[in-house]
Amino acid sequence: MLFVSGWRLDESTFRVIRHSQTHGLGAVLFGKWNAEAVLPSRGLIVLCVLLGVLLFGWLTWRDFSSRRRLRQAPVATINKQPVAFANRTFDPVTPPADMPPLASGEKAECDSNFLSNASVRGESRQTDATHATVTITEIKVTLQLNINIWVPTGVAQHVIEHEEGHRQVSEYYYQTADKLAERIAATYMGRQVDITGTDLDAESSKMLQQMAADITDEYKKELNPGPTQLLYDAITDHGRNEVVVKDAVAHALKNITIESTQPTTNSGN
């Protein structure tokens, strides 16, 4: 609601008391009366100019304050955890229960797990008993990358090096993961969502939870290191050829957009 302030000008009363005087003196007094009669008009003009300046100053201040609020709009908080890495060995006859299953024909694997958790908060403005508008005011996203390289006991060194290449690809994508999450979260910050229901608190919570899930889903979809991992495997023939791992990783990262293979359910082996 816009409130407009008004100024009220008190009326000025100009009163001349004339006395009986001689003709000549009367003419002098009459001239003085005419000069004094101009004063209220000039004062009114000065006052109007002053009010105009004040109004202009108020409008300028309001515009500046509005732009300052826009510049100080809240931004999402992104917490990117350090990479958690571990080398694991296993007995092929009795692999550990927490080890992901190997793909057919594979001896070892690099298991890269990109985790993301989002929390969303908002302010609700209720319009009636069953309707409200929620404005998103706070988004926090926590990112994590867990990498486990699983190799059998006594495996050849080149197999380990191949899995290290998969690790390098994953860490390359994670380097800028916080920027990606920040960009995604920014599209939700300040968004206004209308909710309806008999229990507005429950509807608000449900909406915020869904929005948090949407943010993490979008992060996972856009991050997508899978095609690069597949291209790396294609270049190295899953570690069976003599291509230098460093060169294979660089080639895969550089050429993924033009040489990407069809995605499969297994990558990073």
C-alpha atoms as a PDB file:
ATOM      1  CA  MET A   1       0.000   0.000   0.000  1.00  0.00           C
ATOM      2  CA  LEU A   2       1.337   3.380  -0.969  1.00  0.00           C
ATOM      3  CA  PHE A   3       0.934   6.226   1.494  1.00  0.00           C
ATOM      4  CA  VAL A   4       1.218   9.752   0.137  1.00  0.00           C
ATOM      5  CA  SER A   5       2.100  12.540   2.564  1.00  0.00           C
ATOM      6  CA  GLY A   6       0.435  15.924   2.021  1.00  0.00           C
ATOM      7  CA  TRP A   7       1.421  19.395   3.008  1.00  0.00           C
ATOM      8  CA  ARG A   8      -1.198  21.953   4.162  1.00  0.00           C
ATOM      9  CA  LEU A   9      -0.451  25.672   3.651  1.00  0.00           C
ATOM     10  CA  ASP A  10      -1.964  28.022   6.233  1.00  0.00           C
ATOM     11  CA  GLU A  11      -3.581  31.040   4.612  1.00  0.00           C
ATOM     12  CA  SER A  12      -1.759  34.359   5.136  1.00  0.00           C
ATOM     13  CA  THR A  13      -3.891  37.399   5.948  1.00  0.00           C
ATOM     14  CA  PHE A  14      -2.709  40.779   4.830  1.00  0.00           C
ATOM     15  CA  ARG A  15      -4.425  43.640   6.617  1.00  0.00           C
ATOM     16  CA  VAL A  16      -3.865  47.358   6.023  1.00  0.00           C
ATOM     17  CA  ILE A  17      -5.121  49.902   8.500  1.00  0.00           C
ATOM     18  CA  ARG A  18      -5.589  53.221   6.825  1.00  0.00           C
ATOM     19  CA  HIS A  19      -5.863  56.459   8.703  1.00  0.00           C
ATOM     20  CA  SER A  20      -7.152  59.816   7.532  1.00  0.00           C
ATOM     21  CA  GLN A  21      -4.182  61.701   6.255  1.00  0.00           C
ATOM     22  CA  THR A  22      -3.448  64.405   3.802  1.00  0.00           C
ATOM     23  CA  HIS A  23      -3.649  63.608   0.150  1.00  0.00           C
ATOM     24  CA  GLY A  24       0.107  63.464  -0.411  1.00  0.00           C
ATOM     25  CA  LEU A  25       0.792  61.216   2.551  1.00  0.00           C
ATOM     26  CA  GLY A  26      -2.092  59.045   1.565  1.00  0.00           C
ATOM     27  CA  ALA A  27      -0.450  58.490  -1.791  1.00  0.00           C
ATOM     28  CA  VAL A  28       2.738  57.394  -0.067  1.00  0.00           C
ATOM     29  CA  LEU A  29       0.868  54.940   2.134  1.00  0.00           C
ATOM     30  CA  PHE A  30      -0.967  53.574  -0.865  1.00  0.00           C
ATOM     31  CA  GLY A  31       2.345  52.916  -2.604  1.00  0.00           C
ATOM     32  CA  LYS A  32       3.622  51.093   0.464  1.00  0.00           C
ATOM     33  CA  TRP A  33       0.487  48.972   0.570  1.00  0.00           C
ATOM     34  CA  ASN A  34       1.024  47.862  -3.031  1.00  0.00           C
ATOM     35  CA  ALA A  35       4.619  46.854  -2.290  1.00  0.00           C
ATOM     36  CA  GLU A  36       3.659  44.862   0.765  1.00  0.00           C
ATOM     37  CA  ALA A  37       0.857  43.096  -1.080  1.00  0.00           C
ATOM     38  CA  VAL A  38       3.439  41.337  -3.274  1.00  0.00           C
ATOM     39  CA  LEU A  39       5.167  39.705  -0.303  1.00  0.00           C
ATOM     40  CA  PRO A  40       2.704  36.804   0.223  1.00  0.00           C
ATOM     41  CA  SER A  41       2.963  35.794  -3.452  1.00  0.00           C
ATOM     42  CA  ARG A  42       6.733  35.696  -3.292  1.00  0.00           C
ATOM     43  CA  GLY A  43       6.652  33.753  -0.044  1.00  0.00           C
ATOM     44  CA  LEU A  44       4.260  31.274  -1.618  1.00  0.00           C
ATOM     45  CA  ILE A  45       6.591  30.780  -4.565  1.00  0.00           C
ATOM     46  CA  VAL A  46       9.576  30.227  -2.268  1.00  0.00           C
ATOM     47  CA  LEU A  47       7.594  27.754  -0.189  1.00  0.00           C
ATOM     48  CA  CYS A  48       6.458  25.838  -3.286  1.00  0.00           C
ATOM     49  CA  VAL A  49      10.041  25.655  -4.538  1.00  0.00           C
ATOM     50  CA  LEU A  50      11.149  24.393  -1.137  1.00  0.00           C
ATOM     51  CA  LEU A  51       8.442  21.736  -1.133  1.00  0.00           C
ATOM     52  CA  GLY A  52       9.452  20.715  -4.649  1.00  0.00           C
ATOM     53  CA  VAL A  53      13.054  20.293  -3.548  1.00  0.00           C
ATOM     54  CA  LEU A  54      11.954  18.234  -0.554  1.00  0.00           C
ATOM     55  CA  LEU A  55       9.733  16.044  -2.732  1.00  0.00           C
ATOM     56  CA  PHE A  56      12.513  15.517  -5.259  1.00  0.00           C
ATOM     57  CA  GLY A  57      14.916  14.616  -2.470  1.00  0.00           C
ATOM     58  CA  TRP A  58      12.463  12.124  -1.004  1.00  0.00           C
ATOM     59  CA  LEU A  59      11.897  10.447  -4.386  1.00  0.00           C
ATOM     60  CA  THR A  60      15.643  10.262  -5.002  1.00  0.00           C
ATOM     61  CA  TRP A  61      16.234   8.746  -1.568  1.00  0.00           C
ATOM     62  CA  ARG A  62      13.477   6.187  -2.102  1.00  0.00           C
ATOM     63  CA  ASP A  63      14.939   5.158  -5.467  1.00  0.00           C
ATOM     64  CA  PHE A  64      18.415   4.870  -3.958  1.00  0.00           C
ATOM     65  CA  SER A  65      17.110   2.792  -1.059  1.00  0.00           C
ATOM     66  CA  SER A  66      15.275   0.499  -3.453  1.00  0.00           C
ATOM     67  CA  ARG A  67      18.373  -0.056  -5.580  1.00  0.00           C
ATOM     68  CA  ARG A  68      20.456  -0.632  -2.469  1.00  0.00           C
ATOM     69  CA  ARG A  69      18.021  -3.291  -1.279  1.00  0.00           C
ATOM     70  CA  LEU A  70      18.271  -4.984  -4.658  1.00  0.00           C
ATOM     71  CA  ARG A  71      22.053  -4.985  -4.449  1.00  0.00           C
ATOM     72  CA  GLN A  72      21.870  -6.397  -0.934  1.00  0.00           C
ATOM     73  CA  ALA A  73      19.390  -9.123  -1.872  1.00  0.00           C
ATOM     74  CA  PRO A  74      20.192 -12.380  -0.070  1.00  0.00           C
ATOM     75  CA  VAL A  75      22.240 -14.955  -1.931  1.00  0.00           C
ATOM     76  CA  ALA A  76      22.347 -18.697  -1.480  1.00  0.00           C
ATOM     77  CA  THR A  77      24.899 -20.202   0.883  1.00  0.00           C
ATOM     78  CA  ILE A  78      26.999 -22.940  -0.715  1.00  0.00           C
ATOM     79  CA  ASN A  79      29.101 -25.181   1.509  1.00  0.00           C
ATOM     80  CA  LYS A  80      31.494 -27.292  -0.560  1.00  0.00           C
ATOM     81  CA  GLN A  81      33.181 -29.943   1.549  1.00  0.00           C
ATOM     82  CA  PRO A  82      36.689 -31.182   0.708  1.00  0.00           C
ATOM     83  CA  VAL A  83      36.946 -34.326  -1.375  1.00  0.00           C
ATOM     84  CA  ALA A  84      36.929 -37.471   0.747  1.00  0.00           C
ATOM     85  CA  PHE A  85      39.196 -40.034  -0.940  1.00  0.00           C
ATOM     86  CA  ALA A  86      40.208 -43.557  -0.014  1.00  0.00           C
ATOM     87  CA  ASN A  87      42.129 -46.394  -1.676  1.00  0.00           C
ATOM     88  CA  ARG A  88      40.552 -49.752  -0.916  1.00  0.00           C
ATOM     89  CA  THR A  89      41.805 -53.248  -1.639  1.00  0.00           C
ATOM     90  CA  PHE A  90      39.653 -56.351  -1.734  1.00  0.00           C
ATOM     91  CA  ASP A  91      39.773 -60.074  -2.187  1.00  0.00           C
ATOM     92  CA  PRO A  92      38.045 -60.914  -5.494  1.00  0.00           C
ATOM     93  CA  VAL A  93      36.776 -64.156  -3.989  1.00  0.00           C
ATOM     94  CA  THR A  94      35.087 -62.467  -1.025  1.00  0.00           C
ATOM     95  CA  PRO A  95      34.567 -58.763  -1.800  1.00  0.00           C
ATOM     96  CA  PRO A  96      33.385 -56.588   1.127  1.00  0.00           C
ATOM     97  CA  ALA A  97      29.697 -55.864   1.549  1.00  0.00           C
ATOM     98  CA  ASP A  98      30.119 -52.096   1.138  1.00  0.00           C
ATOM     99  CA  MET A  99      31.870 -52.447  -2.228  1.00  0.00           C
ATOM    100  CA  PRO A 100      29.749 -51.669  -5.297  1.00  0.00           C
ATOM    101  CA  PRO A 101      29.511 -54.617  -7.693  1.00  0.00           C
ATOM    102  CA  LEU A 102      32.041 -54.703 -10.528  1.00  0.00           C
ATOM    103  CA  ALA A 103      30.870 -54.409 -14.113  1.00  0.00           C
ATOM    104  CA  SER A 104      31.284 -57.427 -16.333  1.00  0.00           C
ATOM    105  CA  GLY A 105      34.933 -57.889 -17.356  1.00  0.00           C
ATOM    106  CA  GLU A 106      36.236 -55.292 -14.873  1.00  0.00           C
ATOM    107  CA  LYS A 107      38.914 -55.956 -12.266  1.00  0.00           C
ATOM    108  CA  ALA A 108      38.773 -52.654 -10.364  1.00  0.00           C
ATOM    109  CA  GLU A 109      36.606 -49.584 -10.071  1.00  0.00           C
ATOM    110  CA  CYS A 110      36.547 -45.943  -9.048  1.00  0.00           C
ATOM    111  CA  ASP A 111      33.349 -45.170  -7.175  1.00  0.00           C
ATOM    112  CA  SER A 112      32.649 -41.412  -7.239  1.00  0.00           C
ATOM    113  CA  ASN A 113      29.647 -40.309  -5.229  1.00  0.00           C
ATOM    114  CA  PHE A 114      28.557 -36.690  -5.715  1.00  0.00           C
ATOM    115  CA  LEU A 115      26.316 -35.710  -2.808  1.00  0.00           C
ATOM    116  CA  SER A 116      24.187 -32.607  -2.447  1.00  0.00           C
ATOM    117  CA  ASN A 117      21.808 -31.493   0.256  1.00  0.00           C
ATOM    118  CA  ALA A 118      19.644 -28.382   0.057  1.00  0.00           C
ATOM    119  CA  SER A 119      17.546 -26.604   2.662  1.00  0.00           C
ATOM    120  CA  VAL A 120      15.082 -23.871   1.714  1.00  0.00           C
ATOM    121  CA  ARG A 121      13.333 -21.328   3.935  1.00  0.00           C
ATOM    122  CA  GLY A 122      10.717 -18.747   3.153  1.00  0.00           C
ATOM    123  CA  GLU A 123       8.401 -16.092   4.555  1.00  0.00           C
ATOM    124  CA  SER A 124       4.668 -16.667   4.272  1.00  0.00           C
ATOM    125  CA  ARG A 125       2.061 -13.953   3.758  1.00  0.00           C
ATOM    126  CA  GLN A 126      -1.442 -15.257   4.352  1.00  0.00           C
ATOM    127  CA  THR A 127      -4.216 -13.711   2.265  1.00  0.00           C
ATOM    128  CA  ASP A 128      -7.096 -15.666   3.800  1.00  0.00           C
ATOM    129  CA  ALA A 129      -7.753 -18.856   5.730  1.00  0.00           C
ATOM    130  CA  THR A 130      -6.767 -21.148   2.854  1.00  0.00           C
ATOM    131  CA  HIS A 131      -4.399 -19.066   0.709  1.00  0.00           C
ATOM    132  CA  ALA A 132      -0.898 -17.709   1.237  1.00  0.00           C
ATOM    133  CA  THR A 133       2.131 -16.574  -0.718  1.00  0.00           C
ATOM    134  CA  VAL A 134       5.558 -17.861   0.292  1.00  0.00           C
ATOM    135  CA  THR A 135       8.649 -15.837  -0.637  1.00  0.00           C
ATOM    136  CA  ILE A 136      11.932 -17.763  -0.721  1.00  0.00           C
ATOM    137  CA  THR A 137      14.401 -15.957   1.548  1.00  0.00           C
ATOM    138  CA  GLU A 138      17.147 -18.466   2.316  1.00  0.00           C
ATOM    139  CA  ILE A 139      18.781 -21.380   0.495  1.00  0.00           C
ATOM    140  CA  LYS A 140      21.665 -23.457   1.799  1.00  0.00           C
ATOM    141  CA  VAL A 141      23.336 -26.157  -0.279  1.00  0.00           C
ATOM    142  CA  THR A 142      25.987 -28.553   1.015  1.00  0.00           C
ATOM    143  CA  LEU A 143      28.141 -30.401  -1.518  1.00  0.00           C
ATOM    144  CA  GLN A 144      30.324 -33.444  -1.008  1.00  0.00           C
ATOM    145  CA  LEU A 145      32.363 -35.773  -3.210  1.00  0.00           C
ATOM    146  CA  ASN A 146      33.331 -39.191  -1.873  1.00  0.00           C
ATOM    147  CA  ILE A 147      35.758 -41.215  -3.995  1.00  0.00           C
ATOM    148  CA  ASN A 148      36.729 -44.811  -3.314  1.00  0.00           C
ATOM    149  CA  ILE A 149      39.115 -46.666  -5.590  1.00  0.00           C
ATOM    150  CA  TRP A 150      38.632 -50.407  -5.273  1.00  0.00           C
ATOM    151  CA  VAL A 151      41.456 -52.616  -6.543  1.00  0.00           C
ATOM    152  CA  PRO A 152      42.097 -56.319  -5.923  1.00  0.00           C
ATOM    153  CA  THR A 153      45.154 -57.373  -3.967  1.00  0.00           C
ATOM    154  CA  GLY A 154      48.194 -57.841  -6.177  1.00  0.00           C
ATOM    155  CA  VAL A 155      46.747 -55.909  -9.140  1.00  0.00           C
ATOM    156  CA  ALA A 156      49.069 -54.468 -11.808  1.00  0.00           C
ATOM    157  CA  GLN A 157      50.138 -50.830 -11.461  1.00  0.00           C
ATOM    158  CA  HIS A 158      48.591 -49.739 -14.763  1.00  0.00           C
ATOM    159  CA  VAL A 159      45.157 -50.799 -13.459  1.00  0.00           C
ATOM    160  CA  ILE A 160      45.601 -48.540 -10.437  1.00  0.00           C
ATOM    161  CA  GLU A 161      46.731 -45.702 -12.697  1.00  0.00           C
ATOM    162  CA  HIS A 162      43.651 -46.142 -14.869  1.00  0.00           C
ATOM    163  CA  GLU A 163      41.358 -45.798 -11.849  1.00  0.00           C
ATOM    164  CA  GLU A 164      43.323 -42.721 -10.786  1.00  0.00           C
ATOM    165  CA  GLY A 165      42.353 -41.210 -14.135  1.00  0.00           C
ATOM    166  CA  HIS A 166      38.679 -41.658 -13.256  1.00  0.00           C
ATOM    167  CA  ARG A 167      39.388 -39.935  -9.966  1.00  0.00           C
ATOM    168  CA  GLN A 168      40.950 -36.968 -11.781  1.00  0.00           C
ATOM    169  CA  VAL A 169      37.866 -36.590 -13.977  1.00  0.00           C
ATOM    170  CA  SER A 170      35.563 -36.568 -10.949  1.00  0.00           C
ATOM    171  CA  GLU A 171      37.667 -34.024  -9.088  1.00  0.00           C
ATOM    172  CA  TYR A 172      37.806 -31.812 -12.181  1.00  0.00           C
ATOM    173  CA  TYR A 173      34.000 -31.585 -12.218  1.00  0.00           C
ATOM    174  CA  TYR A 174      33.894 -30.983  -8.487  1.00  0.00           C
ATOM    175  CA  GLN A 175      36.241 -27.977  -8.765  1.00  0.00           C
ATOM    176  CA  THR A 176      33.434 -25.757 -10.053  1.00  0.00           C
ATOM    177  CA  ALA A 177      30.518 -27.607  -8.471  1.00  0.00           C
ATOM    178  CA  ASP A 178      29.929 -24.767  -6.005  1.00  0.00           C
ATOM    179  CA  LYS A 179      29.549 -22.262  -8.844  1.00  0.00           C
ATOM    180  CA  LEU A 180      27.023 -24.539 -10.503  1.00  0.00           C
ATOM    181  CA  ALA A 181      25.049 -24.962  -7.279  1.00  0.00           C
ATOM    182  CA  GLU A 182      25.130 -21.207  -6.663  1.00  0.00           C
ATOM    183  CA  ARG A 183      23.801 -20.481 -10.146  1.00  0.00           C
ATOM    184  CA  ILE A 184      20.987 -22.997  -9.757  1.00  0.00           C
ATOM    185  CA  ALA A 185      20.009 -21.778  -6.284  1.00  0.00           C
ATOM    186  CA  ALA A 186      19.988 -18.156  -7.471  1.00  0.00           C
ATOM    187  CA  THR A 187      17.094 -18.936  -9.815  1.00  0.00           C
ATOM    188  CA  TYR A 188      14.979 -19.931  -6.801  1.00  0.00           C
ATOM    189  CA  MET A 189      15.985 -17.126  -4.422  1.00  0.00           C
ATOM    190  CA  GLY A 190      13.239 -14.537  -4.025  1.00  0.00           C
ATOM    191  CA  ARG A 191      10.718 -16.654  -5.894  1.00  0.00           C
ATOM    192  CA  GLN A 192       7.100 -16.253  -4.768  1.00  0.00           C
ATOM    193  CA  VAL A 193       4.909 -19.341  -4.644  1.00  0.00           C
ATOM    194  CA  ASP A 194       1.173 -19.381  -3.993  1.00  0.00           C
ATOM    195  CA  ILE A 195      -0.040 -22.195  -1.759  1.00  0.00           C
ATOM    196  CA  THR A 196      -3.562 -23.367  -1.004  1.00  0.00           C
ATOM    197  CA  GLY A 197      -4.976 -25.655   1.647  1.00  0.00           C
ATOM    198  CA  THR A 198      -6.663 -25.934   4.992  1.00  0.00           C
ATOM    199  CA  ASP A 199      -3.284 -26.437   6.707  1.00  0.00           C
ATOM    200  CA  LEU A 200      -1.074 -23.717   5.255  1.00  0.00           C
ATOM    201  CA  ASP A 201       1.914 -24.604   7.452  1.00  0.00           C
ATOM    202  CA  ALA A 202       1.909 -28.154   6.131  1.00  0.00           C
ATOM    203  CA  GLU A 203       1.503 -26.957   2.552  1.00  0.00           C
ATOM    204  CA  SER A 204       4.380 -24.517   2.996  1.00  0.00           C
ATOM    205  CA  SER A 205       6.668 -27.212   4.395  1.00  0.00           C
ATOM    206  CA  LYS A 206       5.781 -29.570   1.572  1.00  0.00           C
ATOM    207  CA  MET A 207       6.468 -26.916  -1.040  1.00  0.00           C
ATOM    208  CA  LEU A 208       9.842 -25.990   0.493  1.00  0.00           C
ATOM    209  CA  GLN A 209      10.893 -29.640   0.666  1.00  0.00           C
ATOM    210  CA  GLN A 210       9.976 -30.149  -2.970  1.00  0.00           C
ATOM    211  CA  MET A 211      11.930 -27.055  -3.969  1.00  0.00           C
ATOM    212  CA  ALA A 212      14.993 -28.353  -2.123  1.00  0.00           C
ATOM    213  CA  ALA A 213      14.663 -31.648  -3.994  1.00  0.00           C
ATOM    214  CA  ASP A 214      14.341 -29.783  -7.298  1.00  0.00           C
ATOM    215  CA  ILE A 215      17.563 -27.886  -6.598  1.00  0.00           C
ATOM    216  CA  THR A 216      19.569 -31.051  -5.896  1.00  0.00           C
ATOM    217  CA  ASP A 217      18.042 -32.853  -8.885  1.00  0.00           C
ATOM    218  CA  GLU A 218      18.979 -29.978 -11.162  1.00  0.00           C
ATOM    219  CA  TYR A 219      22.504 -29.932  -9.722  1.00  0.00           C
ATOM    220  CA  LYS A 220      22.932 -33.639 -10.383  1.00  0.00           C
ATOM    221  CA  LYS A 221      21.561 -33.331 -13.906  1.00  0.00           C
ATOM    222  CA  GLU A 222      23.793 -30.415 -14.900  1.00  0.00           C
ATOM    223  CA  LEU A 223      26.978 -31.681 -13.225  1.00  0.00           C
ATOM    224  CA  ASN A 224      26.859 -35.033 -15.058  1.00  0.00           C
ATOM    225  CA  PRO A 225      30.475 -36.290 -15.309  1.00  0.00           C
ATOM    226  CA  GLY A 226      29.279 -39.646 -16.659  1.00  0.00           C
ATOM    227  CA  PRO A 227      29.795 -38.975 -20.401  1.00  0.00           C
ATOM    228  CA  THR A 228      33.358 -37.791 -19.762  1.00  0.00           C
ATOM    229  CA  GLN A 229      34.101 -40.927 -17.743  1.00  0.00           C
ATOM    230  CA  LEU A 230      32.755 -43.049 -20.579  1.00  0.00           C
ATOM    231  CA  LEU A 231      34.872 -41.212 -23.132  1.00  0.00           C
ATOM    232  CA  TYR A 232      37.933 -41.729 -20.938  1.00  0.00           C
ATOM    233  CA  ASP A 233      37.183 -45.462 -20.856  1.00  0.00           C
ATOM    234  CA  ALA A 234      36.789 -45.505 -24.631  1.00  0.00           C
ATOM    235  CA  ILE A 235      40.146 -43.755 -25.125  1.00  0.00           C
ATOM    236  CA  THR A 236      41.977 -46.137 -22.770  1.00  0.00           C
ATOM    237  CA  ASP A 237      39.951 -49.258 -23.618  1.00  0.00           C
ATOM    238  CA  HIS A 238      39.201 -49.531 -19.890  1.00  0.00           C
ATOM    239  CA  GLY A 239      42.909 -49.498 -19.091  1.00  0.00           C
ATOM    240  CA  ARG A 240      43.829 -52.248 -21.516  1.00  0.00           C
ATOM    241  CA  ASN A 241      45.879 -50.164 -23.973  1.00  0.00           C
ATOM    242  CA  GLU A 242      49.055 -48.152 -23.462  1.00  0.00           C
ATOM    243  CA  VAL A 243      47.581 -44.647 -23.681  1.00  0.00           C
ATOM    244  CA  VAL A 244      49.074 -42.386 -21.026  1.00  0.00           C
ATOM    245  CA  VAL A 245      46.472 -41.692 -18.348  1.00  0.00           C
ATOM    246  CA  LYS A 246      47.269 -37.985 -18.128  1.00  0.00           C
ATOM    247  CA  ASP A 247      46.808 -37.542 -21.877  1.00  0.00           C
ATOM    248  CA  ALA A 248      43.613 -39.589 -21.909  1.00  0.00           C
ATOM    249  CA  VAL A 249      42.082 -37.485 -19.131  1.00  0.00           C
ATOM    250  CA  ALA A 250      43.009 -34.231 -20.863  1.00  0.00           C
ATOM    251  CA  HIS A 251      41.596 -35.461 -24.188  1.00  0.00           C
ATOM    252  CA  ALA A 252      38.339 -36.617 -22.583  1.00  0.00           C
ATOM    253  CA  LEU A 253      37.802 -33.321 -20.760  1.00  0.00           C
ATOM    254  CA  LYS A 254      38.569 -31.281 -23.856  1.00  0.00           C
ATOM    255  CA  ASN A 255      36.577 -33.265 -26.397  1.00  0.00           C
ATOM    256  CA  ILE A 256      33.555 -34.523 -24.483  1.00  0.00           C
ATOM    257  CA  THR A 257      31.119 -32.279 -26.362  1.00  0.00           C
ATOM    258  CA  ILE A 258      32.015 -33.783 -29.740  1.00  0.00           C
ATOM    259  CA  GLU A 259      33.034 -37.338 -28.832  1.00  0.00           C
ATOM    260  CA  SER A 260      30.620 -38.222 -26.072  1.00  0.00           C
ATOM    261  CA  THR A 261      29.424 -41.805 -26.260  1.00  0.00           C
ATOM    262  CA  GLN A 262      25.957 -43.021 -25.366  1.00  0.00           C
ATOM    263  CA  PRO A 263      25.526 -43.149 -21.569  1.00  0.00           C
ATOM    264  CA  THR A 264      25.271 -46.516 -19.891  1.00  0.00           C
ATOM    265  CA  THR A 265      24.552 -47.606 -16.349  1.00  0.00           C
ATOM    266  CA  ASN A 266      28.236 -48.233 -15.591  1.00  0.00           C
ATOM    267  CA  SER A 267      30.926 -45.553 -15.632  1.00  0.00           C
ATOM    268  CA  GLY A 268      34.128 -44.947 -13.734  1.00  0.00           C
ATOM    269  CA  ASN A 269      35.549 -48.463 -14.117  1.00  0.00           C
END
